[in-house]
Protein backbone atom coordinates (compact mmCIF):
# COMPACT_ATOMS: atom_id res chain seq x y z
CA TYR A 1 -14.40 6.40 -10.08
CA ARG A 2 -15.12 4.25 -7.05
CA GLY A 3 -12.10 2.39 -5.79
CA THR A 4 -9.63 4.65 -7.58
CA PRO A 5 -7.59 7.62 -6.33
CA GLU A 6 -9.99 9.85 -8.31
CA GLU A 7 -13.08 8.64 -6.37
CA LEU A 8 -15.40 11.54 -5.54
CA ALA A 9 -18.90 12.41 -4.39
CA VAL A 10 -21.05 15.40 -5.40
CA GLN A 11 -24.02 16.74 -3.43
CA GLN A 12 -26.15 19.42 -5.05
CA ALA A 13 -28.14 21.95 -3.02
CA ILE A 14 -31.06 23.74 -4.67
CA PHE A 15 -32.13 27.11 -3.20
CA THR A 16 -35.20 28.53 -4.92
CA ARG A 17 -36.68 31.96 -4.42
CA LYS A 18 -40.04 30.37 -3.62
CA GLY A 19 -38.53 28.04 -1.02
CA CYS A 20 -36.33 30.66 0.65
CA ASP A 21 -39.05 33.30 0.77
CA ARG A 22 -41.60 30.83 2.10
CA VAL A 23 -39.59 29.77 5.13
CA MET A 24 -38.34 33.31 5.78
CA ARG A 25 -41.82 34.79 5.72
CA TYR A 26 -42.95 32.09 8.11
CA ALA A 27 -40.11 33.08 10.45
CA PHE A 28 -40.95 36.78 10.28
CA GLU A 29 -44.67 36.14 10.77
CA LEU A 30 -43.80 34.06 13.83
CA ALA A 31 -41.56 36.82 15.17
CA VAL A 32 -44.33 39.42 14.77
CA LYS A 33 -46.42 37.43 17.26
CA ARG A 34 -43.63 37.16 19.83
CA PRO A 35 -42.55 39.80 22.38
CA ARG A 36 -38.98 40.21 21.13
CA ARG A 37 -39.90 40.52 17.44
CA HIS A 38 -36.45 39.34 16.39
CA VAL A 39 -35.23 36.99 13.64
CA THR A 40 -31.72 35.61 13.17
CA SER A 41 -30.57 34.12 9.87
CA ALA A 42 -28.07 31.23 9.82
CA THR A 43 -25.75 31.46 6.82
CA LYS A 44 -22.30 30.50 5.55
CA SER A 45 -21.87 32.84 2.61
CA ASN A 46 -18.13 33.21 3.20
CA GLY A 47 -17.58 29.56 2.32
CA ILE A 48 -20.60 28.32 0.38
CA ILE A 49 -20.27 30.96 -2.30
CA HIS A 50 -23.39 30.52 -4.45
CA SER A 51 -26.40 29.23 -2.52
CA MET A 52 -25.73 31.04 0.76
CA PRO A 53 -25.18 34.54 -0.69
CA TYR A 54 -28.50 34.00 -2.44
CA TRP A 55 -30.03 33.01 0.91
CA ASP A 56 -28.66 36.26 2.37
CA GLU A 57 -30.19 38.28 -0.48
CA ARG A 58 -33.63 36.78 0.09
CA PHE A 59 -33.37 37.33 3.86
CA ALA A 60 -32.56 41.02 3.32
CA ALA A 61 -35.40 41.37 0.83
CA THR A 62 -37.91 39.72 3.16
CA ALA A 63 -36.79 41.83 6.13
CA LYS A 64 -37.76 45.00 4.25
CA ASP A 65 -41.40 43.92 4.44
CA TYR A 66 -41.22 43.67 8.25
CA PRO A 67 -39.84 46.99 9.52
CA GLY A 68 -41.06 46.23 13.05
CA VAL A 69 -38.89 43.13 13.33
CA THR A 70 -35.20 43.42 14.20
CA THR A 71 -32.76 41.05 12.51
CA ALA A 72 -29.32 39.52 12.88
CA GLN A 73 -27.24 37.32 10.62
CA TYR A 74 -24.38 34.99 11.58
CA HIS A 75 -22.26 32.39 9.85
CA ILE A 76 -23.26 29.00 11.18
CA ASP A 77 -19.96 28.32 12.95
CA ILE A 78 -20.00 31.46 15.10
CA LEU A 79 -23.78 31.15 15.44
CA ALA A 80 -23.28 27.75 17.08
CA ALA A 81 -20.78 29.33 19.47
CA HIS A 82 -23.18 32.17 20.28
CA PHE A 83 -25.92 29.61 20.98
CA VAL A 84 -23.72 28.25 23.74
CA GLN A 85 -22.32 31.51 25.10
CA HIS A 86 -25.23 33.91 24.49
CA PRO A 87 -28.50 31.96 24.18
CA ASP A 88 -30.38 35.06 25.34
CA TRP A 89 -29.52 36.78 22.05
CA PHE A 90 -31.91 34.58 20.08
CA ASP A 91 -35.62 34.19 19.55
CA VAL A 92 -36.67 33.06 16.06
CA VAL A 93 -33.87 31.55 13.95
CA VAL A 94 -34.36 30.80 10.25
CA ALA A 95 -31.99 28.39 8.55
CA SER A 96 -31.59 26.05 5.63
CA ASN A 97 -32.38 22.39 6.26
CA LEU A 98 -28.84 21.30 7.15
CA PHE A 99 -28.08 24.21 9.47
CA GLY A 100 -31.52 24.02 11.06
CA ASP A 101 -31.08 20.31 11.72
CA ILE A 102 -27.82 20.98 13.58
CA LEU A 103 -29.17 23.92 15.58
CA SER A 104 -32.35 22.08 16.55
CA ASP A 105 -30.22 19.53 18.43
CA LEU A 106 -27.81 22.09 19.86
CA GLY A 107 -30.54 24.39 21.18
CA PRO A 108 -32.33 21.90 23.46
CA ALA A 109 -29.01 20.43 24.60
CA ILE A 110 -28.06 23.90 25.85
CA ALA A 111 -31.46 24.22 27.53
CA GLY A 112 -30.79 21.03 29.48
CA SER A 113 -31.65 18.02 27.34
CA ILE A 114 -32.42 17.11 23.77
CA GLY A 115 -35.42 15.33 25.27
CA LEU A 116 -37.11 18.71 25.74
CA ALA A 117 -37.39 19.75 22.09
CA PRO A 118 -40.65 19.50 20.17
CA GLY A 119 -40.70 19.70 16.39
CA GLY A 120 -42.98 20.00 13.41
CA ASN A 121 -42.83 19.74 9.64
CA ILE A 122 -45.35 22.47 9.02
CA ASN A 123 -47.37 23.31 5.94
CA PRO A 124 -48.18 26.97 6.73
CA GLU A 125 -50.97 27.19 4.16
CA LYS A 126 -52.62 24.07 5.68
CA GLU A 127 -53.19 22.80 2.16
CA TYR A 128 -51.59 19.53 3.24
CA PRO A 129 -51.32 17.93 6.69
CA SER A 130 -48.40 18.93 8.88
CA MET A 131 -46.40 16.30 10.77
CA PHE A 132 -45.24 16.72 14.35
CA GLU A 133 -42.52 14.78 16.17
CA PRO A 134 -39.79 15.41 18.74
CA VAL A 135 -36.69 17.03 17.27
CA HIS A 136 -34.28 14.19 18.00
CA GLY A 137 -36.41 11.41 16.55
CA SER A 138 -35.71 7.85 17.71
CA ALA A 139 -33.42 6.63 20.47
CA PRO A 140 -33.24 2.84 19.96
CA ASP A 141 -30.53 2.43 22.60
CA ILE A 142 -33.02 3.24 25.38
CA ALA A 143 -36.20 1.89 23.79
CA GLY A 144 -38.41 -0.03 26.19
CA LYS A 145 -36.41 0.89 29.29
CA GLY A 146 -38.91 3.46 30.57
CA ILE A 147 -36.25 6.16 30.97
CA ALA A 148 -36.82 8.34 27.90
CA ASN A 149 -37.89 11.91 28.53
CA PRO A 150 -41.50 12.25 27.29
CA ILE A 151 -41.54 16.05 27.43
CA ALA A 152 -40.50 16.56 23.81
CA GLN A 153 -43.32 14.30 22.62
CA ILE A 154 -45.88 15.98 24.87
CA TRP A 155 -44.72 19.46 23.85
CA THR A 156 -44.97 18.35 20.22
CA GLY A 157 -48.63 17.64 20.90
CA ALA A 158 -48.99 21.21 22.16
CA MET A 159 -47.45 22.48 18.93
CA MET A 160 -49.99 20.48 16.97
CA LEU A 161 -52.85 21.85 19.07
CA GLU A 162 -51.67 25.40 18.40
CA HIS A 163 -51.34 24.71 14.68
CA LEU A 164 -54.91 23.39 14.63
CA GLY A 165 -56.21 26.54 16.32
CA HIS A 166 -56.49 25.35 19.92
CA ALA A 167 -54.19 27.94 21.51
CA GLU A 168 -55.70 27.70 25.00
CA ALA A 169 -55.29 23.93 25.14
CA ALA A 170 -51.74 24.21 23.80
CA ARG A 171 -50.85 26.74 26.46
CA ALA A 172 -52.25 24.51 29.20
CA VAL A 173 -49.91 21.72 28.13
CA VAL A 174 -46.87 24.02 28.00
CA VAL A 175 -47.64 25.52 31.42
CA ALA A 176 -47.84 22.02 32.91
CA ILE A 177 -44.47 21.12 31.37
CA GLU A 178 -42.91 24.32 32.70
CA ARG A 179 -44.23 23.62 36.20
CA VAL A 180 -42.85 20.06 36.26
CA VAL A 181 -39.41 21.21 35.15
CA GLU A 182 -39.44 24.16 37.55
CA GLN A 183 -40.39 21.99 40.52
CA GLY A 184 -37.65 19.50 39.66
CA LYS A 185 -39.25 16.64 41.60
CA THR A 186 -40.36 14.41 38.73
CA LEU A 187 -37.72 14.44 36.00
CA THR A 188 -36.05 11.77 33.92
CA ARG A 189 -32.35 11.08 34.32
CA ASP A 190 -31.30 13.27 31.37
CA LEU A 191 -32.48 16.22 33.49
CA GLY A 192 -30.85 14.94 36.66
CA GLY A 193 -33.87 13.11 38.05
CA ARG A 194 -34.81 9.48 38.63
CA ALA A 195 -38.40 9.38 37.37
CA THR A 196 -39.60 7.03 34.64
CA THR A 197 -41.13 8.05 31.34
CA THR A 198 -44.57 7.10 32.65
CA GLU A 199 -44.18 9.02 35.91
CA VAL A 200 -43.26 12.23 34.12
CA GLY A 201 -46.14 11.83 31.68
CA GLN A 202 -48.63 11.16 34.46
CA THR A 203 -47.43 14.18 36.44
CA ILE A 204 -47.88 16.48 33.47
CA ALA A 205 -51.29 15.00 32.71
CA ALA A 206 -52.39 15.55 36.33
CA LEU A 207 -51.36 19.21 36.21
CA ILE A 208 -53.29 19.75 32.99
């Protein structure tokens, strides 16, 4: 009914048992390998009354298979607030695509800059190639100016190395990133510094 008072749009979300269980098991398997052994589920079952209660059911069912992992569950609105006020509460967070997309920008912004966040579209079974890229994607407004923070892209490379089984090499990259940020001498302007993209990249490379 475009152009009329009855104009409307409908967006359908499909939540399958296979899809929910697959991402949740990945989250729990990741948590098992981490010191905190904790998984948080992002939901909105008080407002999205069909797909999100189902998501909650599958999260509870998956959690039963991982008794050594502690869990938490929050509606996405208060979860976003807790990200800001209590970031120390969280380790692994599992979410649907929309909620995960929002949180993956909010998380690095809280940590200091969205230019810090690596990302990956991962095929856990390795049946198909995975694809790795910084969380935020493109920033055409600063393209070619030499001021973009390269850390997210470099850290993404470390994620890829780890996925391919090169844990030691991946760790070397992450340690170099941590040292550069900790020292605070060679940072791009989004982190309060004055260094160029190239200078930050070269400093990290030298440390590796």
